[in-house]
C-alpha atoms as a PDB file:
ATOM      1  CA  UNK A   1      43.776  44.643 -10.895  1.00  0.00           C
ATOM      2  CA  UNK A   2      46.083  41.350 -11.112  1.00  0.00           C
ATOM      3  CA  UNK A   3      47.099  41.680  -7.313  1.00  0.00           C
ATOM      4  CA  UNK A   4      48.979  39.191  -5.466  1.00  0.00           C
ATOM      5  CA  UNK A   5      50.488  35.808  -6.597  1.00  0.00           C
ATOM      6  CA  UNK A   6      48.920  33.144  -8.921  1.00  0.00           C
ATOM      7  CA  UNK A   7      46.855  30.544  -6.710  1.00  0.00           C
ATOM      8  CA  UNK A   8      46.230  26.903  -8.086  1.00  0.00           C
ATOM      9  CA  UNK A   9      43.884  26.340  -5.619  1.00  0.00           C
ATOM     10  CA  UNK A  10      41.677  29.257  -6.072  1.00  0.00           C
ATOM     11  CA  UNK A  11      41.751  28.272  -9.795  1.00  0.00           C
ATOM     12  CA  UNK A  12      40.706  24.708  -9.317  1.00  0.00           C
ATOM     13  CA  UNK A  13      37.673  25.313  -6.966  1.00  0.00           C
ATOM     14  CA  UNK A  14      36.371  28.516  -9.415  1.00  0.00           C
ATOM     15  CA  UNK A  15      36.610  26.311 -12.069  1.00  0.00           C
ATOM     16  CA  UNK A  16      34.272  23.744 -10.767  1.00  0.00           C
ATOM     17  CA  UNK A  17      31.953  26.202  -9.405  1.00  0.00           C
ATOM     18  CA  UNK A  18      32.089  27.869 -12.697  1.00  0.00           C
ATOM     19  CA  UNK A  19      31.008  24.323 -14.293  1.00  0.00           C
ATOM     20  CA  UNK A  20      28.322  24.185 -11.922  1.00  0.00           C
ATOM     21  CA  UNK A  21      26.872  27.800 -12.488  1.00  0.00           C
ATOM     22  CA  UNK A  22      27.117  27.180 -16.262  1.00  0.00           C
ATOM     23  CA  UNK A  23      25.120  23.667 -16.042  1.00  0.00           C
ATOM     24  CA  UNK A  24      22.391  25.645 -14.306  1.00  0.00           C
ATOM     25  CA  UNK A  25      22.204  28.860 -16.667  1.00  0.00           C
ATOM     26  CA  UNK A  26      22.097  26.506 -19.455  1.00  0.00           C
ATOM     27  CA  UNK A  27      18.947  24.262 -17.974  1.00  0.00           C
ATOM     28  CA  UNK A  28      17.527  27.816 -17.227  1.00  0.00           C
ATOM     29  CA  UNK A  29      17.803  29.018 -20.505  1.00  0.00           C
ATOM     30  CA  UNK A  30      16.718  25.972 -22.499  1.00  0.00           C
ATOM     31  CA  UNK A  31      13.706  25.901 -20.342  1.00  0.00           C
ATOM     32  CA  UNK A  32      12.782  29.553 -20.964  1.00  0.00           C
ATOM     33  CA  UNK A  33      13.029  29.036 -24.564  1.00  0.00           C
ATOM     34  CA  UNK A  34      10.618  26.193 -24.396  1.00  0.00           C
ATOM     35  CA  UNK A  35       8.254  28.561 -22.665  1.00  0.00           C
ATOM     36  CA  UNK A  36       8.699  31.241 -25.538  1.00  0.00           C
ATOM     37  CA  UNK A  37       8.403  28.537 -28.181  1.00  0.00           C
ATOM     38  CA  UNK A  38       4.523  28.285 -26.871  1.00  0.00           C
ATOM     39  CA  UNK A  39       4.050  32.243 -26.968  1.00  0.00           C
ATOM     40  CA  UNK A  40       5.518  32.209 -30.585  1.00  0.00           C
ATOM     41  CA  UNK A  41       2.936  29.400 -31.698  1.00  0.00           C
ATOM     42  CA  UNK A  42       0.095  31.635 -29.962  1.00  0.00           C
ATOM     43  CA  UNK A  43       1.013  34.591 -32.089  1.00  0.00           C
ATOM     44  CA  UNK A  44       1.109  32.421 -35.489  1.00  0.00           C
ATOM     45  CA  UNK A  45      -1.981  31.369 -34.398  1.00  0.00           C
ATOM     46  CA  UNK A  46      -3.383  34.821 -34.273  1.00  0.00           C
ATOM     47  CA  UNK A  47      -1.362  36.047 -37.384  1.00  0.00           C
ATOM     48  CA  UNK A  48       0.714  37.873 -35.698  1.00  0.00           C
ATOM     49  CA  UNK A  49       3.685  37.123 -37.569  1.00  0.00           C
ATOM     50  CA  UNK A  50       5.674  40.057 -36.935  1.00  0.00           C
ATOM     51  CA  UNK A  51       5.582  39.736 -33.394  1.00  0.00           C
ATOM     52  CA  UNK A  52       6.738  36.203 -33.778  1.00  0.00           C
ATOM     53  CA  UNK A  53       9.553  36.779 -35.605  1.00  0.00           C
ATOM     54  CA  UNK A  54      10.906  39.438 -32.998  1.00  0.00           C
ATOM     55  CA  UNK A  55      10.313  36.947 -30.288  1.00  0.00           C
ATOM     56  CA  UNK A  56      12.131  33.895 -32.490  1.00  0.00           C
ATOM     57  CA  UNK A  57      15.259  36.458 -32.518  1.00  0.00           C
ATOM     58  CA  UNK A  58      15.550  36.366 -29.048  1.00  0.00           C
ATOM     59  CA  UNK A  59      15.158  32.800 -28.933  1.00  0.00           C
ATOM     60  CA  UNK A  60      18.137  32.484 -31.224  1.00  0.00           C
ATOM     61  CA  UNK A  61      20.295  34.842 -29.161  1.00  0.00           C
ATOM     62  CA  UNK A  62      19.724  32.640 -26.196  1.00  0.00           C
ATOM     63  CA  UNK A  63      20.413  29.188 -28.056  1.00  0.00           C
ATOM     64  CA  UNK A  64      23.342  30.819 -29.295  1.00  0.00           C
ATOM     65  CA  UNK A  65      24.300  31.544 -25.689  1.00  0.00           C
ATOM     66  CA  UNK A  66      23.793  28.078 -24.609  1.00  0.00           C
ATOM     67  CA  UNK A  67      26.237  26.547 -27.015  1.00  0.00           C
ATOM     68  CA  UNK A  68      28.706  29.113 -26.136  1.00  0.00           C
ATOM     69  CA  UNK A  69      28.106  27.887 -22.802  1.00  0.00           C
ATOM     70  CA  UNK A  70      28.597  24.154 -23.635  1.00  0.00           C
ATOM     71  CA  UNK A  71      31.771  25.033 -25.006  1.00  0.00           C
ATOM     72  CA  UNK A  72      33.272  26.872 -22.107  1.00  0.00           C
ATOM     73  CA  UNK A  73      31.694  24.316 -19.525  1.00  0.00           C
ATOM     74  CA  UNK A  74      33.980  21.717 -21.626  1.00  0.00           C
ATOM     75  CA  UNK A  75      36.863  24.074 -21.376  1.00  0.00           C
ATOM     76  CA  UNK A  76      36.366  24.329 -17.782  1.00  0.00           C
ATOM     77  CA  UNK A  77      36.447  20.463 -17.836  1.00  0.00           C
ATOM     78  CA  UNK A  78      39.727  20.483 -19.607  1.00  0.00           C
ATOM     79  CA  UNK A  79      41.624  22.424 -17.587  1.00  0.00           C
ATOM     80  CA  UNK A  80      40.474  20.599 -14.533  1.00  0.00           C
ATOM     81  CA  UNK A  81      41.549  17.407 -16.227  1.00  0.00           C
ATOM     82  CA  UNK A  82      44.950  18.705 -17.214  1.00  0.00           C
ATOM     83  CA  UNK A  83      45.357  20.744 -13.979  1.00  0.00           C
ATOM     84  CA  UNK A  84      48.898  19.118 -13.414  1.00  0.00           C
ATOM     85  CA  UNK A  85      50.288  20.269 -16.567  1.00  0.00           C
ATOM     86  CA  UNK A  86      49.436  24.030 -15.994  1.00  0.00           C
ATOM     87  CA  UNK A  87      50.861  23.650 -12.453  1.00  0.00           C
ATOM     88  CA  UNK A  88      54.036  22.122 -13.811  1.00  0.00           C
ATOM     89  CA  UNK A  89      54.309  24.351 -16.745  1.00  0.00           C
ATOM     90  CA  UNK A  90      55.394  27.964 -17.336  1.00  0.00           C
ATOM     91  CA  UNK A  91      54.061  28.359 -20.208  1.00  0.00           C
ATOM     92  CA  UNK A  92      50.641  27.615 -21.742  1.00  0.00           C
ATOM     93  CA  UNK A  93      50.561  24.261 -23.335  1.00  0.00           C
ATOM     94  CA  UNK A  94      49.486  24.442 -27.196  1.00  0.00           C
ATOM     95  CA  UNK A  95      46.694  21.812 -26.338  1.00  0.00           C
ATOM     96  CA  UNK A  96      45.382  24.370 -23.804  1.00  0.00           C
ATOM     97  CA  UNK A  97      45.910  27.735 -25.537  1.00  0.00           C
ATOM     98  CA  UNK A  98      42.471  27.649 -27.153  1.00  0.00           C
ATOM     99  CA  UNK A  99      40.599  26.613 -23.886  1.00  0.00           C
ATOM    100  CA  UNK A 100      42.596  29.346 -21.736  1.00  0.00           C
ATOM    101  CA  UNK A 101      42.492  32.376 -24.217  1.00  0.00           C
ATOM    102  CA  UNK A 102      38.745  31.846 -24.340  1.00  0.00           C
ATOM    103  CA  UNK A 103      38.123  31.612 -20.939  1.00  0.00           C
ATOM    104  CA  UNK A 104      39.971  35.098 -20.509  1.00  0.00           C
ATOM    105  CA  UNK A 105      38.438  36.599 -23.514  1.00  0.00           C
ATOM    106  CA  UNK A 106      34.810  35.773 -22.366  1.00  0.00           C
ATOM    107  CA  UNK A 107      34.939  36.885 -18.438  1.00  0.00           C
ATOM    108  CA  UNK A 108      33.988  40.445 -18.986  1.00  0.00           C
ATOM    109  CA  UNK A 109      31.171  39.209 -21.055  1.00  0.00           C
ATOM    110  CA  UNK A 110      29.861  36.776 -18.448  1.00  0.00           C
ATOM    111  CA  UNK A 111      31.290  37.913 -15.049  1.00  0.00           C
ATOM    112  CA  UNK A 112      27.740  39.509 -14.337  1.00  0.00           C
ATOM    113  CA  UNK A 113      25.850  36.201 -14.425  1.00  0.00           C
ATOM    114  CA  UNK A 114      28.949  33.912 -13.519  1.00  0.00           C
ATOM    115  CA  UNK A 115      31.188  35.843 -10.920  1.00  0.00           C
ATOM    116  CA  UNK A 116      33.689  32.719 -11.330  1.00  0.00           C
ATOM    117  CA  UNK A 117      34.686  33.516 -14.744  1.00  0.00           C
ATOM    118  CA  UNK A 118      36.644  36.603 -13.587  1.00  0.00           C
ATOM    119  CA  UNK A 119      38.219  34.983 -10.800  1.00  0.00           C
ATOM    120  CA  UNK A 120      39.420  32.188 -13.581  1.00  0.00           C
ATOM    121  CA  UNK A 121      40.561  34.775 -15.921  1.00  0.00           C
ATOM    122  CA  UNK A 122      42.393  36.715 -13.158  1.00  0.00           C
ATOM    123  CA  UNK A 123      44.344  33.291 -12.146  1.00  0.00           C
ATOM    124  CA  UNK A 124      45.333  32.488 -15.669  1.00  0.00           C
ATOM    125  CA  UNK A 125      46.573  36.047 -16.129  1.00  0.00           C
ATOM    126  CA  UNK A 126      48.266  35.711 -13.258  1.00  0.00           C
ATOM    127  CA  UNK A 127      49.876  32.126 -14.195  1.00  0.00           C
ATOM    128  CA  UNK A 128      50.868  33.306 -17.837  1.00  0.00           C
ATOM    129  CA  UNK A 129      51.727  37.138 -17.654  1.00  0.00           C
ATOM    130  CA  UNK A 130      49.977  40.250 -18.289  1.00  0.00           C
ATOM    131  CA  UNK A 131      51.114  40.326 -21.938  1.00  0.00           C
ATOM    132  CA  UNK A 132      49.171  37.091 -22.308  1.00  0.00           C
ATOM    133  CA  UNK A 133      46.278  38.223 -21.016  1.00  0.00           C
ATOM    134  CA  UNK A 134      46.036  41.341 -23.159  1.00  0.00           C
ATOM    135  CA  UNK A 135      46.385  39.157 -26.088  1.00  0.00           C
ATOM    136  CA  UNK A 136      43.524  36.952 -24.907  1.00  0.00           C
ATOM    137  CA  UNK A 137      41.330  39.909 -23.844  1.00  0.00           C
ATOM    138  CA  UNK A 138      41.686  41.520 -27.507  1.00  0.00           C
ATOM    139  CA  UNK A 139      42.040  38.070 -29.276  1.00  0.00           C
ATOM    140  CA  UNK A 140      45.160  39.762 -30.888  1.00  0.00           C
ATOM    141  CA  UNK A 141      46.973  36.226 -30.892  1.00  0.00           C
ATOM    142  CA  UNK A 142      43.958  34.566 -32.777  1.00  0.00           C
ATOM    143  CA  UNK A 143      43.525  31.716 -30.281  1.00  0.00           C
ATOM    144  CA  UNK A 144      39.760  32.748 -28.951  1.00  0.00           C
ATOM    145  CA  UNK A 145      37.241  30.067 -30.288  1.00  0.00           C
ATOM    146  CA  UNK A 146      35.934  31.929 -33.338  1.00  0.00           C
ATOM    147  CA  UNK A 147      32.348  30.387 -33.210  1.00  0.00           C
ATOM    148  CA  UNK A 148      32.292  31.500 -29.184  1.00  0.00           C
ATOM    149  CA  UNK A 149      33.097  34.815 -30.184  1.00  0.00           C
ATOM    150  CA  UNK A 150      30.300  34.848 -33.047  1.00  0.00           C
ATOM    151  CA  UNK A 151      27.634  33.082 -30.404  1.00  0.00           C
ATOM    152  CA  UNK A 152      28.438  35.753 -28.147  1.00  0.00           C
ATOM    153  CA  UNK A 153      28.042  38.694 -30.699  1.00  0.00           C
ATOM    154  CA  UNK A 154      25.432  41.113 -31.299  1.00  0.00           C
ATOM    155  CA  UNK A 155      24.785  40.622 -34.948  1.00  0.00           C
ATOM    156  CA  UNK A 156      21.230  39.455 -36.243  1.00  0.00           C
ATOM    157  CA  UNK A 157      20.710  35.724 -36.500  1.00  0.00           C
ATOM    158  CA  UNK A 158      20.394  35.430 -40.662  1.00  0.00           C
ATOM    159  CA  UNK A 159      16.587  35.858 -41.991  1.00  0.00           C
ATOM    160  CA  UNK A 160      16.360  32.145 -43.290  1.00  0.00           C
ATOM    161  CA  UNK A 161      17.367  30.632 -39.537  1.00  0.00           C
ATOM    162  CA  UNK A 162      14.303  32.952 -38.338  1.00  0.00           C
ATOM    163  CA  UNK A 163      12.080  31.490 -40.789  1.00  0.00           C
ATOM    164  CA  UNK A 164      13.124  28.035 -40.018  1.00  0.00           C
ATOM    165  CA  UNK A 165      12.681  28.331 -36.516  1.00  0.00           C
ATOM    166  CA  UNK A 166       9.085  29.710 -36.975  1.00  0.00           C
ATOM    167  CA  UNK A 167       8.545  26.532 -39.409  1.00  0.00           C
ATOM    168  CA  UNK A 168       9.807  24.101 -37.110  1.00  0.00           C
ATOM    169  CA  UNK A 169       7.349  26.006 -33.977  1.00  0.00           C
ATOM    170  CA  UNK A 170       4.756  26.229 -36.406  1.00  0.00           C
ATOM    171  CA  UNK A 171       5.193  22.438 -37.569  1.00  0.00           C
ATOM    172  CA  UNK A 172       5.349  21.072 -33.661  1.00  0.00           C
ATOM    173  CA  UNK A 173       2.063  23.130 -32.790  1.00  0.00           C
ATOM    174  CA  UNK A 174      -0.029  21.863 -35.837  1.00  0.00           C
ATOM    175  CA  UNK A 175      -0.127  25.742 -37.151  1.00  0.00           C
ATOM    176  CA  UNK A 176      -0.570  26.704 -40.933  1.00  0.00           C
ATOM    177  CA  UNK A 177       2.799  28.990 -41.655  1.00  0.00           C
ATOM    178  CA  UNK A 178       3.929  30.118 -44.715  1.00  0.00           C
ATOM    179  CA  UNK A 179       7.681  31.334 -44.347  1.00  0.00           C
ATOM    180  CA  UNK A 180       8.877  34.284 -45.851  1.00  0.00           C
ATOM    181  CA  UNK A 181      10.714  32.752 -49.458  1.00  0.00           C
ATOM    182  CA  UNK A 182      12.727  35.794 -50.258  1.00  0.00           C
ATOM    183  CA  UNK A 183      14.683  35.201 -46.997  1.00  0.00           C
ATOM    184  CA  UNK A 184      14.715  31.686 -47.078  1.00  0.00           C
ATOM    185  CA  UNK A 185      16.528  32.364 -50.613  1.00  0.00           C
ATOM    186  CA  UNK A 186      18.836  35.329 -49.511  1.00  0.00           C
ATOM    187  CA  UNK A 187      20.596  33.759 -46.782  1.00  0.00           C
ATOM    188  CA  UNK A 188      19.741  29.746 -46.751  1.00  0.00           C
ATOM    189  CA  UNK A 189      23.276  28.924 -47.006  1.00  0.00           C
ATOM    190  CA  UNK A 190      24.472  31.092 -43.918  1.00  0.00           C
ATOM    191  CA  UNK A 191      21.318  29.684 -41.923  1.00  0.00           C
ATOM    192  CA  UNK A 192      22.647  26.081 -42.755  1.00  0.00           C
ATOM    193  CA  UNK A 193      26.193  26.757 -41.222  1.00  0.00           C
ATOM    194  CA  UNK A 194      24.355  27.982 -38.084  1.00  0.00           C
ATOM    195  CA  UNK A 195      22.650  24.675 -37.496  1.00  0.00           C
ATOM    196  CA  UNK A 196      25.919  22.925 -37.322  1.00  0.00           C
ATOM    197  CA  UNK A 197      27.876  22.166 -33.956  1.00  0.00           C
ATOM    198  CA  UNK A 198      29.710  24.819 -32.392  1.00  0.00           C
ATOM    199  CA  UNK A 199      33.275  23.053 -32.640  1.00  0.00           C
ATOM    200  CA  UNK A 200      33.150  19.645 -34.333  1.00  0.00           C
ATOM    201  CA  UNK A 201      34.672  17.701 -31.586  1.00  0.00           C
ATOM    202  CA  UNK A 202      32.702  14.394 -31.001  1.00  0.00           C
ATOM    203  CA  UNK A 203      33.836  13.070 -27.587  1.00  0.00           C
ATOM    204  CA  UNK A 204      36.206  10.228 -29.315  1.00  0.00           C
ATOM    205  CA  UNK A 205      39.387  11.949 -28.717  1.00  0.00           C
ATOM    206  CA  UNK A 206      41.553  14.632 -29.690  1.00  0.00           C
ATOM    207  CA  UNK A 207      41.524  18.161 -28.025  1.00  0.00           C
ATOM    208  CA  UNK A 208      38.297  20.029 -27.444  1.00  0.00           C
ATOM    209  CA  UNK A 209      38.815  23.388 -29.414  1.00  0.00           C
ATOM    210  CA  UNK A 210      41.409  22.690 -32.334  1.00  0.00           C
ATOM    211  CA  UNK A 211      39.442  20.894 -35.168  1.00  0.00           C
ATOM    212  CA  UNK A 212      42.213  22.347 -37.377  1.00  0.00           C
ATOM    213  CA  UNK A 213      46.154  22.932 -36.372  1.00  0.00           C
ATOM    214  CA  UNK A 214      46.782  24.231 -32.899  1.00  0.00           C
ATOM    215  CA  UNK A 215      48.363  27.665 -32.540  1.00  0.00           C
ATOM    216  CA  UNK A 216      52.011  27.443 -31.702  1.00  0.00           C
ATOM    217  CA  UNK A 217      53.022  27.278 -27.913  1.00  0.00           C
ATOM    218  CA  UNK A 218      52.622  30.873 -26.153  1.00  0.00           C
ATOM    219  CA  UNK A 219      55.416  32.465 -24.392  1.00  0.00           C
ATOM    220  CA  UNK A 220      53.589  34.304 -22.107  1.00  0.00           C
ATOM    221  CA  UNK A 221      55.704  33.679 -18.755  1.00  0.00           C
ATOM    222  CA  UNK A 222      54.671  35.039 -15.271  1.00  0.00           C
ATOM    223  CA  UNK A 223      57.527  37.191 -15.212  1.00  0.00           C
ATOM    224  CA  UNK A 224      55.656  40.125 -16.604  1.00  0.00           C
ATOM    225  CA  UNK A 225      52.584  39.641 -14.203  1.00  0.00           C
END
């Protein structure tokens, strides 16, 4: 599966290609979501609220995916910005650990849409070793971005968030809509959390992906690759 040796040039090229592919997919999904909102508004106009709720769940999942892709794009940028560190160090620096582990973890989940993700993961495993790769794929090291895991999960969105989306769509299309109050009260706190940023990095400094204390350095040398 990971035959051959690590090639920095191959990693660099595929990081750049992945960034372009991620940008295109984000744009496509965002445009599709805008069209879907018009369809949902049409359902609300004719009082097909349950159909609208089902479509909203799909939009939320797509929004989740776009958020996750934004993080992955940033992680690819981060690895390119610190490529010299990757090349010069045998072990994964703690400032890159979350980015590297998340890119390895996400590869099998996105490779159908972004083939470069698998190639990136393969090169990172060749660089840091099979043990490191297995820890990242299973998240046994706890270093994978938790909100990326959540955004790419299969759990349904909070009911309050669904109602919030419906309210927003109804208001923007000037449609009368009464949300399910029981749903709003049931998990409004959870829905509020869902509306937050995927991570608190604001571009003013610091390492993306490390809002709290970073994990310890990873000893995953290439000797076991």
